[in-house]
């Protein structure tokens, strides 16, 4: 049996080892069908936490995913051959008045959390979205997902309110529970300012 002091040393050792295997300079690429299996796996890992989305499973196929996202702005972070995370935009509405508004999704592989992958992806997504004339990015985040809230706030997203009991979980340990969702948004200071 490990004593508490040994356990702390072991946890520090594991953290140090994980730093050796984490990307120093991950490459960002536009997401393609080739990336879908890894993207799907990372999405499922987020779903499994119970604090990432109301969805109970990733889309069944690349085609279903592709039909609902702004694909030339969907990005993956790659370290060698490993995809460490992804970010994507979904149109906020089909109405033309909202053409410059999109909802953000950012997911990081469990083993890559805490290494700046989410920050890199979100920063890139913000820059690329502004280059494509998006003036507002939104995010809906469960209040329990502190890391995601901090990530978005560090990228200039502001809390605009809480949507109380917005949806009921259909899976996992929180199945049947109504969940609040924090509404955050980032208004561009360079696009749509006329």
C-alpha atoms as a PDB file:
ATOM      1  CA  UNK A   1       0.000   0.000   0.000  1.00  0.00           C
ATOM      2  CA  UNK A   2       1.276   3.468  -0.905  1.00  0.00           C
ATOM      3  CA  UNK A   3       1.491   6.098   1.778  1.00  0.00           C
ATOM      4  CA  UNK A   4       0.090   9.575   1.044  1.00  0.00           C
ATOM      5  CA  UNK A   5       3.589  11.020   0.592  1.00  0.00           C
ATOM      6  CA  UNK A   6       4.461   8.262  -1.915  1.00  0.00           C
ATOM      7  CA  UNK A   7       1.214   8.810  -3.767  1.00  0.00           C
ATOM      8  CA  UNK A   8       1.997  12.511  -4.152  1.00  0.00           C
ATOM      9  CA  UNK A   9       5.446  11.672  -5.543  1.00  0.00           C
ATOM     10  CA  UNK A  10       3.926   9.154  -7.962  1.00  0.00           C
ATOM     11  CA  UNK A  11       1.370  11.686  -9.181  1.00  0.00           C
ATOM     12  CA  UNK A  12       4.135  14.254  -9.722  1.00  0.00           C
ATOM     13  CA  UNK A  13       6.172  11.659 -11.615  1.00  0.00           C
ATOM     14  CA  UNK A  14       3.196  10.804 -13.841  1.00  0.00           C
ATOM     15  CA  UNK A  15       2.638  14.512 -14.511  1.00  0.00           C
ATOM     16  CA  UNK A  16       6.311  14.937 -15.468  1.00  0.00           C
ATOM     17  CA  UNK A  17       6.134  11.912 -17.771  1.00  0.00           C
ATOM     18  CA  UNK A  18       3.002  13.275 -19.424  1.00  0.00           C
ATOM     19  CA  UNK A  19       4.833  16.541 -20.090  1.00  0.00           C
ATOM     20  CA  UNK A  20       7.485  14.607 -22.005  1.00  0.00           C
ATOM     21  CA  UNK A  21       4.866  13.100 -24.306  1.00  0.00           C
ATOM     22  CA  UNK A  22       2.864  16.279 -24.860  1.00  0.00           C
ATOM     23  CA  UNK A  23       3.288  18.405 -27.956  1.00  0.00           C
ATOM     24  CA  UNK A  24       5.776  21.223 -27.813  1.00  0.00           C
ATOM     25  CA  UNK A  25       4.613  22.780 -31.081  1.00  0.00           C
ATOM     26  CA  UNK A  26       1.436  21.120 -32.311  1.00  0.00           C
ATOM     27  CA  UNK A  27       0.449  21.793 -35.892  1.00  0.00           C
ATOM     28  CA  UNK A  28      -3.043  23.052 -36.655  1.00  0.00           C
ATOM     29  CA  UNK A  29      -4.760  21.776 -39.777  1.00  0.00           C
ATOM     30  CA  UNK A  30      -8.185  22.038 -41.324  1.00  0.00           C
ATOM     31  CA  UNK A  31     -10.237  19.040 -40.243  1.00  0.00           C
ATOM     32  CA  UNK A  32     -10.829  16.454 -42.971  1.00  0.00           C
ATOM     33  CA  UNK A  33     -12.542  13.094 -43.208  1.00  0.00           C
ATOM     34  CA  UNK A  34      -9.150  11.480 -42.517  1.00  0.00           C
ATOM     35  CA  UNK A  35      -9.204  13.068 -39.040  1.00  0.00           C
ATOM     36  CA  UNK A  36     -12.763  11.954 -38.252  1.00  0.00           C
ATOM     37  CA  UNK A  37     -11.957   8.747 -36.283  1.00  0.00           C
ATOM     38  CA  UNK A  38      -9.715  10.656 -33.844  1.00  0.00           C
ATOM     39  CA  UNK A  39     -12.107  13.623 -33.673  1.00  0.00           C
ATOM     40  CA  UNK A  40     -14.947  11.233 -32.904  1.00  0.00           C
ATOM     41  CA  UNK A  41     -12.891   9.540 -30.148  1.00  0.00           C
ATOM     42  CA  UNK A  42     -12.027  12.887 -28.537  1.00  0.00           C
ATOM     43  CA  UNK A  43     -15.661  13.984 -28.781  1.00  0.00           C
ATOM     44  CA  UNK A  44     -16.783  10.735 -27.116  1.00  0.00           C
ATOM     45  CA  UNK A  45     -14.271  11.278 -24.290  1.00  0.00           C
ATOM     46  CA  UNK A  46     -15.810  14.713 -23.710  1.00  0.00           C
ATOM     47  CA  UNK A  47     -19.314  13.268 -23.789  1.00  0.00           C
ATOM     48  CA  UNK A  48     -18.271  10.614 -21.262  1.00  0.00           C
ATOM     49  CA  UNK A  49     -17.425  13.319 -18.696  1.00  0.00           C
ATOM     50  CA  UNK A  50     -21.098  14.305 -18.537  1.00  0.00           C
ATOM     51  CA  UNK A  51     -20.110  17.984 -18.556  1.00  0.00           C
ATOM     52  CA  UNK A  52     -19.417  18.719 -22.230  1.00  0.00           C
ATOM     53  CA  UNK A  53     -22.700  18.431 -24.128  1.00  0.00           C
ATOM     54  CA  UNK A  54     -26.276  17.216 -24.056  1.00  0.00           C
ATOM     55  CA  UNK A  55     -25.394  14.895 -26.955  1.00  0.00           C
ATOM     56  CA  UNK A  56     -25.183  11.244 -25.932  1.00  0.00           C
ATOM     57  CA  UNK A  57     -22.914  10.224 -28.825  1.00  0.00           C
ATOM     58  CA  UNK A  58     -20.911  11.817 -31.622  1.00  0.00           C
ATOM     59  CA  UNK A  59     -22.472  11.941 -35.082  1.00  0.00           C
ATOM     60  CA  UNK A  60     -22.611   8.509 -36.715  1.00  0.00           C
ATOM     61  CA  UNK A  61     -20.453   9.506 -39.682  1.00  0.00           C
ATOM     62  CA  UNK A  62     -18.222  12.162 -41.180  1.00  0.00           C
ATOM     63  CA  UNK A  63     -21.022  13.038 -43.607  1.00  0.00           C
ATOM     64  CA  UNK A  64     -23.419  13.848 -40.760  1.00  0.00           C
ATOM     65  CA  UNK A  65     -20.722  15.914 -39.012  1.00  0.00           C
ATOM     66  CA  UNK A  66     -19.794  17.698 -42.240  1.00  0.00           C
ATOM     67  CA  UNK A  67     -23.400  18.682 -42.954  1.00  0.00           C
ATOM     68  CA  UNK A  68     -23.720  20.672 -39.708  1.00  0.00           C
ATOM     69  CA  UNK A  69     -20.413  22.555 -39.339  1.00  0.00           C
ATOM     70  CA  UNK A  70     -18.552  25.386 -41.050  1.00  0.00           C
ATOM     71  CA  UNK A  71     -15.998  22.939 -42.311  1.00  0.00           C
ATOM     72  CA  UNK A  72     -13.238  25.178 -43.647  1.00  0.00           C
ATOM     73  CA  UNK A  73     -13.023  26.637 -40.109  1.00  0.00           C
ATOM     74  CA  UNK A  74     -12.990  23.261 -38.317  1.00  0.00           C
ATOM     75  CA  UNK A  75      -9.460  22.626 -37.017  1.00  0.00           C
ATOM     76  CA  UNK A  76      -7.422  19.846 -35.452  1.00  0.00           C
ATOM     77  CA  UNK A  77      -4.245  20.073 -33.349  1.00  0.00           C
ATOM     78  CA  UNK A  78      -1.752  17.416 -34.421  1.00  0.00           C
ATOM     79  CA  UNK A  79       1.360  16.246 -32.590  1.00  0.00           C
ATOM     80  CA  UNK A  80       3.279  13.954 -34.934  1.00  0.00           C
ATOM     81  CA  UNK A  81       0.557  11.487 -35.897  1.00  0.00           C
ATOM     82  CA  UNK A  82      -1.685  12.082 -32.864  1.00  0.00           C
ATOM     83  CA  UNK A  83      -4.643  14.417 -32.910  1.00  0.00           C
ATOM     84  CA  UNK A  84      -4.713  16.138 -29.513  1.00  0.00           C
ATOM     85  CA  UNK A  85      -7.846  18.247 -29.933  1.00  0.00           C
ATOM     86  CA  UNK A  86     -10.275  19.915 -32.284  1.00  0.00           C
ATOM     87  CA  UNK A  87     -12.347  23.071 -32.625  1.00  0.00           C
ATOM     88  CA  UNK A  88     -15.318  23.799 -34.864  1.00  0.00           C
ATOM     89  CA  UNK A  89     -18.046  26.315 -35.583  1.00  0.00           C
ATOM     90  CA  UNK A  90     -21.724  25.649 -36.121  1.00  0.00           C
ATOM     91  CA  UNK A  91     -23.918  28.334 -37.716  1.00  0.00           C
ATOM     92  CA  UNK A  92     -26.110  30.024 -35.099  1.00  0.00           C
ATOM     93  CA  UNK A  93     -29.041  30.288 -37.498  1.00  0.00           C
ATOM     94  CA  UNK A  94     -30.029  29.892 -41.121  1.00  0.00           C
ATOM     95  CA  UNK A  95     -31.355  33.469 -41.194  1.00  0.00           C
ATOM     96  CA  UNK A  96     -29.144  35.839 -43.178  1.00  0.00           C
ATOM     97  CA  UNK A  97     -29.133  38.487 -40.428  1.00  0.00           C
ATOM     98  CA  UNK A  98     -27.114  35.999 -38.306  1.00  0.00           C
ATOM     99  CA  UNK A  99     -24.636  35.101 -41.063  1.00  0.00           C
ATOM    100  CA  UNK A 100     -21.741  36.343 -38.913  1.00  0.00           C
ATOM    101  CA  UNK A 101     -22.729  34.472 -35.747  1.00  0.00           C
ATOM    102  CA  UNK A 102     -21.563  30.952 -34.924  1.00  0.00           C
ATOM    103  CA  UNK A 103     -21.370  28.601 -31.947  1.00  0.00           C
ATOM    104  CA  UNK A 104     -17.961  27.336 -30.854  1.00  0.00           C
ATOM    105  CA  UNK A 105     -17.012  23.780 -29.876  1.00  0.00           C
ATOM    106  CA  UNK A 106     -13.552  22.966 -28.492  1.00  0.00           C
ATOM    107  CA  UNK A 107     -12.565  19.476 -27.341  1.00  0.00           C
ATOM    108  CA  UNK A 108      -9.164  18.294 -26.103  1.00  0.00           C
ATOM    109  CA  UNK A 109      -8.023  14.687 -25.711  1.00  0.00           C
ATOM    110  CA  UNK A 110      -7.920  13.687 -22.021  1.00  0.00           C
ATOM    111  CA  UNK A 111      -4.163  13.105 -22.079  1.00  0.00           C
ATOM    112  CA  UNK A 112      -3.545  16.537 -23.620  1.00  0.00           C
ATOM    113  CA  UNK A 113      -5.592  18.634 -21.180  1.00  0.00           C
ATOM    114  CA  UNK A 114      -3.698  21.362 -19.378  1.00  0.00           C
ATOM    115  CA  UNK A 115      -1.064  21.746 -22.097  1.00  0.00           C
ATOM    116  CA  UNK A 116      -2.455  24.745 -23.991  1.00  0.00           C
ATOM    117  CA  UNK A 117      -4.092  22.797 -26.837  1.00  0.00           C
ATOM    118  CA  UNK A 118      -7.545  24.281 -26.188  1.00  0.00           C
ATOM    119  CA  UNK A 119      -6.120  27.814 -26.015  1.00  0.00           C
ATOM    120  CA  UNK A 120      -4.223  27.298 -29.279  1.00  0.00           C
ATOM    121  CA  UNK A 121      -7.287  25.926 -31.059  1.00  0.00           C
ATOM    122  CA  UNK A 122      -9.670  28.601 -29.768  1.00  0.00           C
ATOM    123  CA  UNK A 123      -7.272  31.441 -30.598  1.00  0.00           C
ATOM    124  CA  UNK A 124      -6.870  30.092 -34.124  1.00  0.00           C
ATOM    125  CA  UNK A 125     -10.632  29.670 -34.494  1.00  0.00           C
ATOM    126  CA  UNK A 126     -11.260  33.268 -33.387  1.00  0.00           C
ATOM    127  CA  UNK A 127      -8.687  34.638 -35.858  1.00  0.00           C
ATOM    128  CA  UNK A 128      -9.913  32.542 -38.765  1.00  0.00           C
ATOM    129  CA  UNK A 129     -13.563  33.313 -38.037  1.00  0.00           C
ATOM    130  CA  UNK A 130     -12.869  37.062 -38.085  1.00  0.00           C
ATOM    131  CA  UNK A 131     -11.040  36.658 -41.408  1.00  0.00           C
ATOM    132  CA  UNK A 132     -14.298  35.101 -42.687  1.00  0.00           C
ATOM    133  CA  UNK A 133     -16.396  38.021 -41.334  1.00  0.00           C
ATOM    134  CA  UNK A 134     -17.883  36.375 -38.263  1.00  0.00           C
ATOM    135  CA  UNK A 135     -18.664  39.117 -35.762  1.00  0.00           C
ATOM    136  CA  UNK A 136     -19.981  37.091 -32.830  1.00  0.00           C
ATOM    137  CA  UNK A 137     -18.978  33.707 -31.481  1.00  0.00           C
ATOM    138  CA  UNK A 138     -21.133  32.042 -28.843  1.00  0.00           C
ATOM    139  CA  UNK A 139     -20.608  29.149 -26.465  1.00  0.00           C
ATOM    140  CA  UNK A 140     -22.956  27.215 -24.222  1.00  0.00           C
ATOM    141  CA  UNK A 141     -21.093  25.619 -21.313  1.00  0.00           C
ATOM    142  CA  UNK A 142     -22.275  23.636 -18.305  1.00  0.00           C
ATOM    143  CA  UNK A 143     -21.400  25.591 -15.122  1.00  0.00           C
ATOM    144  CA  UNK A 144     -19.491  22.561 -13.816  1.00  0.00           C
ATOM    145  CA  UNK A 145     -17.050  22.727 -16.758  1.00  0.00           C
ATOM    146  CA  UNK A 146     -14.731  25.252 -15.103  1.00  0.00           C
ATOM    147  CA  UNK A 147     -11.794  24.588 -17.455  1.00  0.00           C
ATOM    148  CA  UNK A 148     -13.903  25.393 -20.530  1.00  0.00           C
ATOM    149  CA  UNK A 149     -15.331  28.533 -18.938  1.00  0.00           C
ATOM    150  CA  UNK A 150     -11.822  29.770 -18.094  1.00  0.00           C
ATOM    151  CA  UNK A 151     -10.582  28.927 -21.588  1.00  0.00           C
ATOM    152  CA  UNK A 152     -13.354  30.909 -23.252  1.00  0.00           C
ATOM    153  CA  UNK A 153     -13.030  33.864 -20.881  1.00  0.00           C
ATOM    154  CA  UNK A 154      -9.275  33.983 -21.566  1.00  0.00           C
ATOM    155  CA  UNK A 155     -10.119  34.296 -25.276  1.00  0.00           C
ATOM    156  CA  UNK A 156     -12.374  37.298 -24.693  1.00  0.00           C
ATOM    157  CA  UNK A 157     -15.713  35.562 -24.217  1.00  0.00           C
ATOM    158  CA  UNK A 158     -18.005  37.189 -21.664  1.00  0.00           C
ATOM    159  CA  UNK A 159     -20.733  35.544 -19.615  1.00  0.00           C
ATOM    160  CA  UNK A 160     -24.050  36.910 -20.763  1.00  0.00           C
ATOM    161  CA  UNK A 161     -26.319  34.812 -18.596  1.00  0.00           C
ATOM    162  CA  UNK A 162     -27.483  31.439 -17.434  1.00  0.00           C
ATOM    163  CA  UNK A 163     -30.081  29.480 -19.331  1.00  0.00           C
ATOM    164  CA  UNK A 164     -31.848  27.729 -16.452  1.00  0.00           C
ATOM    165  CA  UNK A 165     -32.776  24.091 -16.827  1.00  0.00           C
ATOM    166  CA  UNK A 166     -32.218  24.340 -20.577  1.00  0.00           C
ATOM    167  CA  UNK A 167     -32.202  20.611 -21.228  1.00  0.00           C
ATOM    168  CA  UNK A 168     -32.474  17.237 -19.538  1.00  0.00           C
ATOM    169  CA  UNK A 169     -29.567  14.813 -19.645  1.00  0.00           C
ATOM    170  CA  UNK A 170     -30.467  11.554 -21.376  1.00  0.00           C
ATOM    171  CA  UNK A 171     -27.401   9.503 -20.461  1.00  0.00           C
ATOM    172  CA  UNK A 172     -24.770   8.815 -17.803  1.00  0.00           C
ATOM    173  CA  UNK A 173     -24.898   9.438 -14.070  1.00  0.00           C
ATOM    174  CA  UNK A 174     -26.824  12.697 -14.612  1.00  0.00           C
ATOM    175  CA  UNK A 175     -29.548  11.088 -16.752  1.00  0.00           C
ATOM    176  CA  UNK A 176     -32.926  12.624 -15.999  1.00  0.00           C
ATOM    177  CA  UNK A 177     -31.427  15.779 -14.489  1.00  0.00           C
ATOM    178  CA  UNK A 178     -32.269  19.218 -15.878  1.00  0.00           C
ATOM    179  CA  UNK A 179     -29.065  21.196 -16.555  1.00  0.00           C
ATOM    180  CA  UNK A 180     -28.289  24.896 -16.581  1.00  0.00           C
ATOM    181  CA  UNK A 181     -26.076  26.225 -19.375  1.00  0.00           C
ATOM    182  CA  UNK A 182     -23.921  29.341 -19.169  1.00  0.00           C
ATOM    183  CA  UNK A 183     -24.233  31.521 -22.253  1.00  0.00           C
ATOM    184  CA  UNK A 184     -20.977  33.174 -23.323  1.00  0.00           C
ATOM    185  CA  UNK A 185     -20.170  35.285 -26.335  1.00  0.00           C
ATOM    186  CA  UNK A 186     -17.263  37.054 -27.945  1.00  0.00           C
ATOM    187  CA  UNK A 187     -18.004  40.143 -30.020  1.00  0.00           C
ATOM    188  CA  UNK A 188     -15.291  40.983 -32.538  1.00  0.00           C
ATOM    189  CA  UNK A 189     -13.607  44.350 -32.245  1.00  0.00           C
ATOM    190  CA  UNK A 190     -12.659  44.274 -35.936  1.00  0.00           C
ATOM    191  CA  UNK A 191     -15.596  42.707 -37.800  1.00  0.00           C
ATOM    192  CA  UNK A 192     -19.098  44.151 -37.996  1.00  0.00           C
ATOM    193  CA  UNK A 193     -18.156  47.436 -36.360  1.00  0.00           C
ATOM    194  CA  UNK A 194     -19.650  49.760 -38.949  1.00  0.00           C
END
